[in-house]
Amino acid sequence: MWWTGGEKYLDVFWTDDKFLDKECGGNNCRWRSQDDGVYLFSYKHKEYRLKYNWDPWNKTKNHSY
């Protein structure tokens, strides 16, 4: 996943029931990218919460997505 000025590599699909129940509120996880990072929707709190900050661009890597 990438955003202006940064990138992040992360797993967005899990088979871990604890994560799905605790973090996603079931079998569906909702992600959103914003300027400051990657957010996961918390069903418990009914809002998106920052889960990961962006990493700076790796200047040696080709970013032509």
PDB file of N, CA and C in Angstrom:
ATOM      1  N   MET A   1       0.851  -1.154   0.000  1.00  0.00           N
ATOM      2  CA  MET A   1       0.000   0.000   0.000  1.00  0.00           C
ATOM      3  C   MET A   1       0.903   1.225   0.000  1.00  0.00           C
ATOM      4  N   TRP A   2       0.530   2.250  -0.741  1.00  0.00           N
ATOM      5  CA  TRP A   2       1.349   3.452  -0.752  1.00  0.00           C
ATOM      6  C   TRP A   2       0.468   4.684  -0.733  1.00  0.00           C
ATOM      7  N   TRP A   3       1.070   5.776  -0.334  1.00  0.00           N
ATOM      8  CA  TRP A   3       0.402   7.058  -0.211  1.00  0.00           C
ATOM      9  C   TRP A   3       1.436   8.118  -0.525  1.00  0.00           C
ATOM     10  N   THR A   4       1.050   9.301  -0.801  1.00  0.00           N
ATOM     11  CA  THR A   4       1.987  10.364  -1.116  1.00  0.00           C
ATOM     12  C   THR A   4       3.045  10.479  -0.025  1.00  0.00           C
ATOM     13  N   GLY A   5       4.277  10.194  -0.378  1.00  0.00           N
ATOM     14  CA  GLY A   5       5.377  10.344   0.563  1.00  0.00           C
ATOM     15  C   GLY A   5       5.655   9.144   1.437  1.00  0.00           C
ATOM     16  N   GLY A   6       4.903   8.056   1.284  1.00  0.00           N
ATOM     17  CA  GLY A   6       5.162   6.900   2.138  1.00  0.00           C
ATOM     18  C   GLY A   6       4.562   5.621   1.597  1.00  0.00           C
ATOM     19  N   GLU A   7       4.892   4.533   2.264  1.00  0.00           N
ATOM     20  CA  GLU A   7       4.395   3.217   1.883  1.00  0.00           C
ATOM     21  C   GLU A   7       4.266   2.368   3.138  1.00  0.00           C
ATOM     22  N   LYS A   8       3.511   1.270   3.054  1.00  0.00           N
ATOM     23  CA  LYS A   8       3.368   0.349   4.175  1.00  0.00           C
ATOM     24  C   LYS A   8       3.021  -1.017   3.624  1.00  0.00           C
ATOM     25  N   TYR A   9       3.742  -2.013   4.088  1.00  0.00           N
ATOM     26  CA  TYR A   9       3.445  -3.405   3.752  1.00  0.00           C
ATOM     27  C   TYR A   9       2.855  -4.053   4.988  1.00  0.00           C
ATOM     28  N   LEU A  10       1.655  -4.621   4.854  1.00  0.00           N
ATOM     29  CA  LEU A  10       0.989  -5.219   6.002  1.00  0.00           C
ATOM     30  C   LEU A  10       0.040  -6.309   5.541  1.00  0.00           C
ATOM     31  N   ASP A  11      -0.276  -7.196   6.459  1.00  0.00           N
ATOM     32  CA  ASP A  11      -1.269  -8.235   6.197  1.00  0.00           C
ATOM     33  C   ASP A  11      -2.644  -7.648   6.472  1.00  0.00           C
ATOM     34  N   VAL A  12      -3.558  -7.814   5.536  1.00  0.00           N
ATOM     35  CA  VAL A  12      -4.912  -7.317   5.749  1.00  0.00           C
ATOM     36  C   VAL A  12      -5.940  -8.451   5.802  1.00  0.00           C
ATOM     37  N   PHE A  13      -5.493  -9.682   5.640  1.00  0.00           N
ATOM     38  CA  PHE A  13      -6.370 -10.843   5.751  1.00  0.00           C
ATOM     39  C   PHE A  13      -5.808 -11.782   6.808  1.00  0.00           C
ATOM     40  N   TRP A  14      -6.631 -12.185   7.762  1.00  0.00           N
ATOM     41  CA  TRP A  14      -6.190 -13.075   8.833  1.00  0.00           C
ATOM     42  C   TRP A  14      -7.117 -14.276   8.931  1.00  0.00           C
ATOM     43  N   THR A  15      -6.559 -15.323   9.469  1.00  0.00           N
ATOM     44  CA  THR A  15      -7.378 -16.480   9.823  1.00  0.00           C
ATOM     45  C   THR A  15      -7.472 -16.601  11.331  1.00  0.00           C
ATOM     46  N   ASP A  16      -6.886 -15.649  12.040  1.00  0.00           N
ATOM     47  CA  ASP A  16      -6.887 -15.634  13.503  1.00  0.00           C
ATOM     48  C   ASP A  16      -8.232 -15.095  14.002  1.00  0.00           C
ATOM     49  N   ASP A  17      -9.057 -15.974  14.565  1.00  0.00           N
ATOM     50  CA  ASP A  17     -10.384 -15.576  15.032  1.00  0.00           C
ATOM     51  C   ASP A  17     -10.324 -14.498  16.106  1.00  0.00           C
ATOM     52  N   LYS A  18      -9.293 -14.525  16.959  1.00  0.00           N
ATOM     53  CA  LYS A  18      -9.177 -13.511  18.014  1.00  0.00           C
ATOM     54  C   LYS A  18      -9.030 -12.122  17.408  1.00  0.00           C
ATOM     55  N   PHE A  19      -8.172 -12.002  16.396  1.00  0.00           N
ATOM     56  CA  PHE A  19      -8.009 -10.693  15.748  1.00  0.00           C
ATOM     57  C   PHE A  19      -9.315 -10.252  15.098  1.00  0.00           C
ATOM     58  N   LEU A  20      -9.940 -11.154  14.347  1.00  0.00           N
ATOM     59  CA  LEU A  20     -11.173 -10.798  13.652  1.00  0.00           C
ATOM     60  C   LEU A  20     -12.254 -10.353  14.623  1.00  0.00           C
ATOM     61  N   ASP A  21     -12.423 -11.074  15.716  1.00  0.00           N
ATOM     62  CA  ASP A  21     -13.458 -10.727  16.687  1.00  0.00           C
ATOM     63  C   ASP A  21     -13.123  -9.449  17.449  1.00  0.00           C
ATOM     64  N   LYS A  22     -11.872  -9.322  17.878  1.00  0.00           N
ATOM     65  CA  LYS A  22     -11.472  -8.174  18.698  1.00  0.00           C
ATOM     66  C   LYS A  22     -11.312  -6.901  17.873  1.00  0.00           C
ATOM     67  N   GLU A  23     -10.630  -6.997  16.746  1.00  0.00           N
ATOM     68  CA  GLU A  23     -10.298  -5.809  15.961  1.00  0.00           C
ATOM     69  C   GLU A  23     -11.364  -5.454  14.925  1.00  0.00           C
ATOM     70  N   CYS A  24     -11.918  -6.464  14.270  1.00  0.00           N
ATOM     71  CA  CYS A  24     -12.830  -6.200  13.153  1.00  0.00           C
ATOM     72  C   CYS A  24     -14.302  -6.334  13.527  1.00  0.00           C
ATOM     73  N   GLY A  25     -14.598  -7.013  14.593  1.00  0.00           N
ATOM     74  CA  GLY A  25     -15.985  -7.194  14.978  1.00  0.00           C
ATOM     75  C   GLY A  25     -16.693  -8.266  14.172  1.00  0.00           C
ATOM     76  N   GLY A  26     -15.959  -9.186  13.616  1.00  0.00           N
ATOM     77  CA  GLY A  26     -16.536 -10.244  12.796  1.00  0.00           C
ATOM     78  C   GLY A  26     -15.597 -10.606  11.668  1.00  0.00           C
ATOM     79  N   ASN A  27     -16.151 -11.117  10.587  1.00  0.00           N
ATOM     80  CA  ASN A  27     -15.326 -11.589   9.473  1.00  0.00           C
ATOM     81  C   ASN A  27     -14.948 -10.506   8.471  1.00  0.00           C
ATOM     82  N   ASN A  28     -15.417  -9.288   8.643  1.00  0.00           N
ATOM     83  CA  ASN A  28     -15.129  -8.217   7.690  1.00  0.00           C
ATOM     84  C   ASN A  28     -14.306  -7.119   8.338  1.00  0.00           C
ATOM     85  N   CYS A  29     -13.105  -6.898   7.811  1.00  0.00           N
ATOM     86  CA  CYS A  29     -12.255  -5.805   8.279  1.00  0.00           C
ATOM     87  C   CYS A  29     -12.350  -4.672   7.264  1.00  0.00           C
ATOM     88  N   ARG A  30     -12.508  -3.450   7.745  1.00  0.00           N
ATOM     89  CA  ARG A  30     -12.586  -2.280   6.870  1.00  0.00           C
ATOM     90  C   ARG A  30     -11.362  -1.406   7.110  1.00  0.00           C
ATOM     91  N   TRP A  31     -10.587  -1.200   6.055  1.00  0.00           N
ATOM     92  CA  TRP A  31      -9.356  -0.408   6.109  1.00  0.00           C
ATOM     93  C   TRP A  31      -9.555   0.896   5.356  1.00  0.00           C
ATOM     94  N   ARG A  32      -8.811   1.930   5.797  1.00  0.00           N
ATOM     95  CA  ARG A  32      -8.825   3.213   5.099  1.00  0.00           C
ATOM     96  C   ARG A  32      -7.436   3.836   5.189  1.00  0.00           C
ATOM     97  N   SER A  33      -6.970   4.372   4.089  1.00  0.00           N
ATOM     98  CA  SER A  33      -5.680   5.068   4.106  1.00  0.00           C
ATOM     99  C   SER A  33      -5.928   6.570   4.162  1.00  0.00           C
ATOM    100  N   GLN A  34      -5.117   7.245   4.957  1.00  0.00           N
ATOM    101  CA  GLN A  34      -5.185   8.697   5.107  1.00  0.00           C
ATOM    102  C   GLN A  34      -3.767   9.249   5.092  1.00  0.00           C
ATOM    103  N   ASP A  35      -3.639  10.560   5.129  1.00  0.00           N
ATOM    104  CA  ASP A  35      -2.325  11.195   5.057  1.00  0.00           C
ATOM    105  C   ASP A  35      -1.356  10.701   6.122  1.00  0.00           C
ATOM    106  N   ASP A  36      -1.838  10.401   7.311  1.00  0.00           N
ATOM    107  CA  ASP A  36      -0.943  10.035   8.415  1.00  0.00           C
ATOM    108  C   ASP A  36      -0.768   8.539   8.616  1.00  0.00           C
ATOM    109  N   GLY A  37      -1.517   7.695   7.901  1.00  0.00           N
ATOM    110  CA  GLY A  37      -1.337   6.260   8.063  1.00  0.00           C
ATOM    111  C   GLY A  37      -2.528   5.446   7.594  1.00  0.00           C
ATOM    112  N   VAL A  38      -2.564   4.197   8.052  1.00  0.00           N
ATOM    113  CA  VAL A  38      -3.592   3.234   7.661  1.00  0.00           C
ATOM    114  C   VAL A  38      -4.497   2.995   8.868  1.00  0.00           C
ATOM    115  N   TYR A  39      -5.782   3.110   8.644  1.00  0.00           N
ATOM    116  CA  TYR A  39      -6.772   2.995   9.707  1.00  0.00           C
ATOM    117  C   TYR A  39      -7.600   1.723   9.543  1.00  0.00           C
ATOM    118  N   LEU A  40      -7.987   1.143  10.670  1.00  0.00           N
ATOM    119  CA  LEU A  40      -8.875  -0.014  10.708  1.00  0.00           C
ATOM    120  C   LEU A  40     -10.146   0.408  11.428  1.00  0.00           C
ATOM    121  N   PHE A  41     -11.302   0.061  10.870  1.00  0.00           N
ATOM    122  CA  PHE A  41     -12.568   0.428  11.503  1.00  0.00           C
ATOM    123  C   PHE A  41     -12.799  -0.436  12.729  1.00  0.00           C
ATOM    124  N   SER A  42     -13.052   0.208  13.864  1.00  0.00           N
ATOM    125  CA  SER A  42     -13.353  -0.483  15.114  1.00  0.00           C
ATOM    126  C   SER A  42     -14.870  -0.541  15.281  1.00  0.00           C
ATOM    127  N   TYR A  43     -15.432  -1.733  15.156  1.00  0.00           N
ATOM    128  CA  TYR A  43     -16.875  -1.878  15.326  1.00  0.00           C
ATOM    129  C   TYR A  43     -17.286  -1.586  16.761  1.00  0.00           C
ATOM    130  N   LYS A  44     -16.417  -1.905  17.691  1.00  0.00           N
ATOM    131  CA  LYS A  44     -16.703  -1.658  19.109  1.00  0.00           C
ATOM    132  C   LYS A  44     -16.881  -0.165  19.380  1.00  0.00           C
ATOM    133  N   HIS A  45     -16.024   0.658  18.786  1.00  0.00           N
ATOM    134  CA  HIS A  45     -16.053   2.101  19.029  1.00  0.00           C
ATOM    135  C   HIS A  45     -16.737   2.879  17.902  1.00  0.00           C
ATOM    136  N   LYS A  46     -17.121   2.172  16.834  1.00  0.00           N
ATOM    137  CA  LYS A  46     -17.823   2.775  15.693  1.00  0.00           C
ATOM    138  C   LYS A  46     -17.037   3.919  15.058  1.00  0.00           C
ATOM    139  N   GLU A  47     -15.721   3.709  14.889  1.00  0.00           N
ATOM    140  CA  GLU A  47     -14.879   4.718  14.254  1.00  0.00           C
ATOM    141  C   GLU A  47     -13.621   4.066  13.698  1.00  0.00           C
ATOM    142  N   TYR A  48     -12.989   4.744  12.757  1.00  0.00           N
ATOM    143  CA  TYR A  48     -11.693   4.294  12.252  1.00  0.00           C
ATOM    144  C   TYR A  48     -10.619   4.703  13.245  1.00  0.00           C
ATOM    145  N   ARG A  49      -9.682   3.787  13.507  1.00  0.00           N
ATOM    146  CA  ARG A  49      -8.581   4.055  14.427  1.00  0.00           C
ATOM    147  C   ARG A  49      -7.261   3.775  13.732  1.00  0.00           C
ATOM    148  N   LEU A  50      -6.284   4.658  13.970  1.00  0.00           N
ATOM    149  CA  LEU A  50      -4.971   4.516  13.357  1.00  0.00           C
ATOM    150  C   LEU A  50      -4.339   3.203  13.794  1.00  0.00           C
ATOM    151  N   LYS A  51      -3.976   2.386  12.821  1.00  0.00           N
ATOM    152  CA  LYS A  51      -3.364   1.087  13.107  1.00  0.00           C
ATOM    153  C   LYS A  51      -1.881   1.089  12.741  1.00  0.00           C
ATOM    154  N   TYR A  52      -1.518   1.730  11.632  1.00  0.00           N
ATOM    155  CA  TYR A  52      -0.132   1.759  11.165  1.00  0.00           C
ATOM    156  C   TYR A  52       0.204   3.145  10.628  1.00  0.00           C
ATOM    157  N   ASN A  53       1.383   3.634  10.951  1.00  0.00           N
ATOM    158  CA  ASN A  53       1.900   4.857  10.339  1.00  0.00           C
ATOM    159  C   ASN A  53       2.584   4.487   9.034  1.00  0.00           C
ATOM    160  N   TRP A  54       2.669   5.451   8.136  1.00  0.00           N
ATOM    161  CA  TRP A  54       3.381   5.226   6.883  1.00  0.00           C
ATOM    162  C   TRP A  54       4.872   5.137   7.141  1.00  0.00           C
ATOM    163  N   ASP A  55       5.562   4.294   6.375  1.00  0.00           N
ATOM    164  CA  ASP A  55       7.020   4.239   6.372  1.00  0.00           C
ATOM    165  C   ASP A  55       7.499   5.167   5.258  1.00  0.00           C
ATOM    166  N   PRO A  56       8.638   5.841   5.443  1.00  0.00           N
ATOM    167  CA  PRO A  56       9.158   6.691   4.361  1.00  0.00           C
ATOM    168  C   PRO A  56       9.425   5.855   3.109  1.00  0.00           C
ATOM    169  N   TRP A  57       9.358   6.497   1.950  1.00  0.00           N
ATOM    170  CA  TRP A  57       9.634   5.807   0.696  1.00  0.00           C
ATOM    171  C   TRP A  57      11.005   5.165   0.731  1.00  0.00           C
ATOM    172  N   ASN A  58      11.097   3.967   0.191  1.00  0.00           N
ATOM    173  CA  ASN A  58      12.376   3.298  -0.021  1.00  0.00           C
ATOM    174  C   ASN A  58      12.900   3.812  -1.360  1.00  0.00           C
ATOM    175  N   LYS A  59      13.873   4.678  -1.318  1.00  0.00           N
ATOM    176  CA  LYS A  59      14.338   5.373  -2.525  1.00  0.00           C
ATOM    177  C   LYS A  59      14.983   4.449  -3.555  1.00  0.00           C
ATOM    178  N   THR A  60      15.381   3.242  -3.159  1.00  0.00           N
ATOM    179  CA  THR A  60      16.015   2.323  -4.106  1.00  0.00           C
ATOM    180  C   THR A  60      14.996   1.458  -4.831  1.00  0.00           C
ATOM    181  N   LYS A  61      13.727   1.568  -4.485  1.00  0.00           N
ATOM    182  CA  LYS A  61      12.686   0.721  -5.044  1.00  0.00           C
ATOM    183  C   LYS A  61      11.910   1.464  -6.134  1.00  0.00           C
ATOM    184  N   ASN A  62      11.482   0.749  -7.151  1.00  0.00           N
ATOM    185  CA  ASN A  62      10.671   1.317  -8.217  1.00  0.00           C
ATOM    186  C   ASN A  62       9.232   1.443  -7.724  1.00  0.00           C
ATOM    187  N   HIS A  63       8.657   2.640  -7.771  1.00  0.00           N
ATOM    188  CA  HIS A  63       7.295   2.868  -7.288  1.00  0.00           C
ATOM    189  C   HIS A  63       6.322   3.156  -8.422  1.00  0.00           C
ATOM    190  N   SER A  64       6.479   2.520  -9.538  1.00  0.00           N
ATOM    191  CA  SER A  64       5.560   2.723 -10.661  1.00  0.00           C
ATOM    192  C   SER A  64       4.445   1.694 -10.583  1.00  0.00           C
ATOM    193  N   TYR A  65       3.464   1.957  -9.727  1.00  0.00           N
ATOM    194  CA  TYR A  65       2.355   1.021  -9.520  1.00  0.00           C
ATOM    195  C   TYR A  65       1.377   1.125 -10.647  1.00  0.00           C
TER     196      TYR A  65
END
